[in-house]
N, C-alpha and C. Protein backbone atom coordinates (compact mmCIF):
# COMPACT_ATOMS: atom_id res chain seq x y z
N MET A 1 -66.55 4.74 35.03
CA MET A 1 -66.40 6.12 34.65
C MET A 1 -67.03 6.33 33.28
N ARG A 2 -67.78 7.40 33.16
CA ARG A 2 -68.42 7.73 31.90
C ARG A 2 -67.58 8.69 31.09
N LEU A 3 -67.36 8.37 29.84
CA LEU A 3 -66.63 9.26 28.95
C LEU A 3 -67.58 10.29 28.36
N PRO A 4 -67.05 11.46 27.99
CA PRO A 4 -67.90 12.49 27.41
C PRO A 4 -68.51 12.02 26.09
N ASP A 5 -69.71 12.51 25.79
CA ASP A 5 -70.37 12.20 24.53
C ASP A 5 -69.70 13.01 23.41
N LEU A 6 -69.13 12.33 22.45
CA LEU A 6 -68.41 13.00 21.38
C LEU A 6 -69.20 13.06 20.08
N SER A 7 -70.47 12.64 20.11
CA SER A 7 -71.27 12.68 18.89
C SER A 7 -71.50 14.12 18.47
N GLY A 8 -71.43 14.37 17.21
CA GLY A 8 -71.64 15.71 16.69
C GLY A 8 -70.48 16.66 16.97
N LEU A 9 -69.34 16.11 17.31
CA LEU A 9 -68.18 16.91 17.66
C LEU A 9 -67.57 17.58 16.42
N ARG A 10 -67.42 18.89 16.49
CA ARG A 10 -66.69 19.61 15.44
C ARG A 10 -65.21 19.47 15.73
N LEU A 11 -64.42 19.33 14.71
CA LEU A 11 -62.99 19.18 14.93
C LEU A 11 -62.33 20.51 15.28
N ALA A 12 -62.57 21.53 14.49
CA ALA A 12 -61.93 22.81 14.73
C ALA A 12 -62.53 23.46 15.97
N MET A 13 -61.68 24.15 16.72
CA MET A 13 -62.13 24.87 17.91
C MET A 13 -61.84 26.35 17.70
N THR A 14 -62.76 27.18 18.14
CA THR A 14 -62.51 28.62 18.08
C THR A 14 -61.53 28.97 19.21
N PRO A 15 -60.88 30.12 19.10
CA PRO A 15 -60.00 30.54 20.21
C PRO A 15 -60.75 30.59 21.54
N GLU A 16 -61.99 31.02 21.52
CA GLU A 16 -62.78 31.10 22.74
C GLU A 16 -63.04 29.71 23.33
N GLU A 17 -63.29 28.73 22.46
CA GLU A 17 -63.51 27.35 22.92
C GLU A 17 -62.24 26.77 23.53
N ILE A 18 -61.11 27.07 22.93
CA ILE A 18 -59.83 26.58 23.45
C ILE A 18 -59.59 27.17 24.84
N ARG A 19 -59.79 28.47 24.97
CA ARG A 19 -59.59 29.14 26.25
C ARG A 19 -60.56 28.60 27.31
N GLU A 20 -61.83 28.44 26.94
CA GLU A 20 -62.83 27.95 27.89
C GLU A 20 -62.54 26.51 28.32
N ALA A 21 -62.12 25.67 27.38
CA ALA A 21 -61.79 24.28 27.72
C ALA A 21 -60.62 24.23 28.71
N ARG A 22 -59.63 25.09 28.50
CA ARG A 22 -58.49 25.14 29.42
C ARG A 22 -58.94 25.60 30.80
N ARG A 23 -59.76 26.64 30.83
CA ARG A 23 -60.23 27.17 32.11
C ARG A 23 -61.08 26.16 32.88
N LYS A 24 -61.90 25.39 32.15
CA LYS A 24 -62.71 24.36 32.80
C LYS A 24 -61.84 23.31 33.49
N LEU A 25 -60.65 23.09 32.94
CA LEU A 25 -59.72 22.15 33.54
C LEU A 25 -58.96 22.77 34.71
N GLY A 26 -59.11 24.09 34.88
CA GLY A 26 -58.44 24.77 35.97
C GLY A 26 -56.94 24.93 35.77
N LEU A 27 -56.53 25.01 34.50
CA LEU A 27 -55.10 25.10 34.19
C LEU A 27 -54.76 26.46 33.60
N SER A 28 -53.57 26.95 33.90
CA SER A 28 -53.06 28.16 33.27
C SER A 28 -52.55 27.81 31.87
N GLN A 29 -52.25 28.82 31.09
CA GLN A 29 -51.67 28.56 29.77
C GLN A 29 -50.34 27.83 29.90
N VAL A 30 -49.54 28.22 30.86
CA VAL A 30 -48.24 27.58 31.06
C VAL A 30 -48.43 26.11 31.45
N GLU A 31 -49.36 25.84 32.36
CA GLU A 31 -49.58 24.47 32.81
C GLU A 31 -50.07 23.57 31.69
N ILE A 32 -51.06 24.03 30.92
CA ILE A 32 -51.58 23.16 29.85
C ILE A 32 -50.57 22.98 28.74
N ALA A 33 -49.81 24.04 28.43
CA ALA A 33 -48.77 23.92 27.40
C ALA A 33 -47.75 22.86 27.80
N ARG A 34 -47.35 22.89 29.06
CA ARG A 34 -46.38 21.88 29.55
C ARG A 34 -46.98 20.48 29.50
N ARG A 35 -48.23 20.33 29.95
CA ARG A 35 -48.88 19.01 29.99
C ARG A 35 -49.02 18.41 28.59
N LEU A 36 -49.26 19.29 27.60
CA LEU A 36 -49.46 18.80 26.23
C LEU A 36 -48.22 18.93 25.36
N ASP A 37 -47.11 19.34 25.97
CA ASP A 37 -45.83 19.48 25.26
C ASP A 37 -45.96 20.42 24.07
N VAL A 38 -46.55 21.59 24.33
CA VAL A 38 -46.72 22.64 23.32
C VAL A 38 -46.02 23.87 23.86
N ASP A 39 -45.36 24.61 23.00
CA ASP A 39 -44.73 25.85 23.43
C ASP A 39 -45.80 26.81 23.93
N VAL A 40 -45.55 27.47 25.05
CA VAL A 40 -46.54 28.37 25.64
C VAL A 40 -46.88 29.53 24.71
N VAL A 41 -45.93 29.97 23.91
CA VAL A 41 -46.20 31.04 22.94
C VAL A 41 -47.20 30.55 21.90
N THR A 42 -47.04 29.32 21.45
CA THR A 42 -47.99 28.74 20.49
C THR A 42 -49.37 28.64 21.13
N TRP A 43 -49.42 28.17 22.38
CA TRP A 43 -50.72 28.06 23.05
C TRP A 43 -51.40 29.42 23.13
N ASN A 44 -50.64 30.42 23.51
CA ASN A 44 -51.18 31.77 23.61
C ASN A 44 -51.71 32.25 22.26
N ARG A 45 -51.02 31.94 21.21
CA ARG A 45 -51.48 32.34 19.86
C ARG A 45 -52.78 31.63 19.50
N TRP A 46 -52.93 30.36 19.88
CA TRP A 46 -54.17 29.63 19.62
C TRP A 46 -55.33 30.30 20.34
N GLU A 47 -55.11 30.65 21.60
CA GLU A 47 -56.19 31.26 22.38
C GLU A 47 -56.55 32.66 21.88
N ARG A 48 -55.61 33.36 21.28
CA ARG A 48 -55.89 34.70 20.76
C ARG A 48 -56.31 34.67 19.28
N GLY A 49 -56.29 33.49 18.68
CA GLY A 49 -56.68 33.38 17.28
C GLY A 49 -55.62 33.88 16.32
N ARG A 50 -54.39 33.96 16.77
CA ARG A 50 -53.28 34.44 15.93
C ARG A 50 -52.64 33.32 15.12
N GLN A 51 -52.95 32.09 15.49
CA GLN A 51 -52.38 30.93 14.80
C GLN A 51 -53.40 29.80 14.85
N ASP A 52 -53.57 29.13 13.72
CA ASP A 52 -54.49 27.99 13.68
C ASP A 52 -53.82 26.75 14.26
N VAL A 53 -54.65 25.92 14.88
CA VAL A 53 -54.17 24.63 15.38
C VAL A 53 -54.02 23.71 14.17
N ARG A 54 -52.84 23.16 13.98
CA ARG A 54 -52.59 22.32 12.81
C ARG A 54 -53.39 21.03 12.81
N PHE A 55 -53.52 20.42 13.97
CA PHE A 55 -54.22 19.15 14.08
C PHE A 55 -55.31 19.27 15.14
N PRO A 56 -56.43 19.90 14.79
CA PRO A 56 -57.47 20.16 15.79
C PRO A 56 -58.05 18.90 16.42
N GLU A 57 -58.08 17.80 15.68
CA GLU A 57 -58.62 16.57 16.26
C GLU A 57 -57.74 16.06 17.40
N ILE A 58 -56.45 16.26 17.30
CA ILE A 58 -55.55 15.84 18.37
C ILE A 58 -55.74 16.74 19.60
N LEU A 59 -55.95 18.03 19.37
CA LEU A 59 -56.19 18.93 20.49
C LEU A 59 -57.49 18.56 21.20
N ARG A 60 -58.53 18.26 20.44
CA ARG A 60 -59.80 17.84 21.06
C ARG A 60 -59.60 16.58 21.90
N LEU A 61 -58.89 15.60 21.35
CA LEU A 61 -58.64 14.36 22.09
C LEU A 61 -57.81 14.63 23.35
N ALA A 62 -56.87 15.55 23.26
CA ALA A 62 -56.07 15.90 24.42
C ALA A 62 -56.94 16.49 25.52
N PHE A 63 -57.90 17.35 25.15
CA PHE A 63 -58.81 17.92 26.13
C PHE A 63 -59.66 16.82 26.78
N VAL A 64 -60.12 15.88 25.98
CA VAL A 64 -60.91 14.76 26.52
C VAL A 64 -60.04 13.97 27.50
N GLY A 65 -58.81 13.67 27.12
CA GLY A 65 -57.91 12.93 27.99
C GLY A 65 -57.63 13.65 29.29
N LEU A 66 -57.41 14.96 29.23
CA LEU A 66 -57.16 15.73 30.44
C LEU A 66 -58.40 15.78 31.34
N GLU A 67 -59.58 15.84 30.73
CA GLU A 67 -60.82 15.84 31.52
C GLU A 67 -61.02 14.50 32.21
N VAL A 68 -60.76 13.40 31.51
CA VAL A 68 -60.88 12.08 32.11
C VAL A 68 -59.88 11.95 33.26
N GLU A 69 -58.67 12.42 33.04
CA GLU A 69 -57.63 12.39 34.07
C GLU A 69 -58.07 13.20 35.30
N ARG A 70 -58.62 14.38 35.07
CA ARG A 70 -59.07 15.25 36.16
C ARG A 70 -60.17 14.58 36.98
N ARG A 71 -61.11 13.94 36.28
CA ARG A 71 -62.22 13.28 36.97
C ARG A 71 -61.75 12.06 37.77
N SER A 72 -60.68 11.43 37.33
CA SER A 72 -60.16 10.23 37.99
C SER A 72 -59.36 10.56 39.24
N ALA A 73 -58.88 11.78 39.31
CA ALA A 73 -57.99 12.17 40.42
C ALA A 73 -58.72 12.31 41.73
């Protein structure tokens, strides 16, 4: 299995990037919030740009992990 190329990766994600990454995984806000153990209200705020992600590098890694998991299924 090939892992995504992470070279040149920006840590911070825009609200649009967060939303698009979730949609690419085929998950609703409720589903991804549950999978990542994040309150759904917090997730919604991230996608609307109402709240900054405190640890953007962890969110990026979580997206990579979910993508690897999806490809393995």
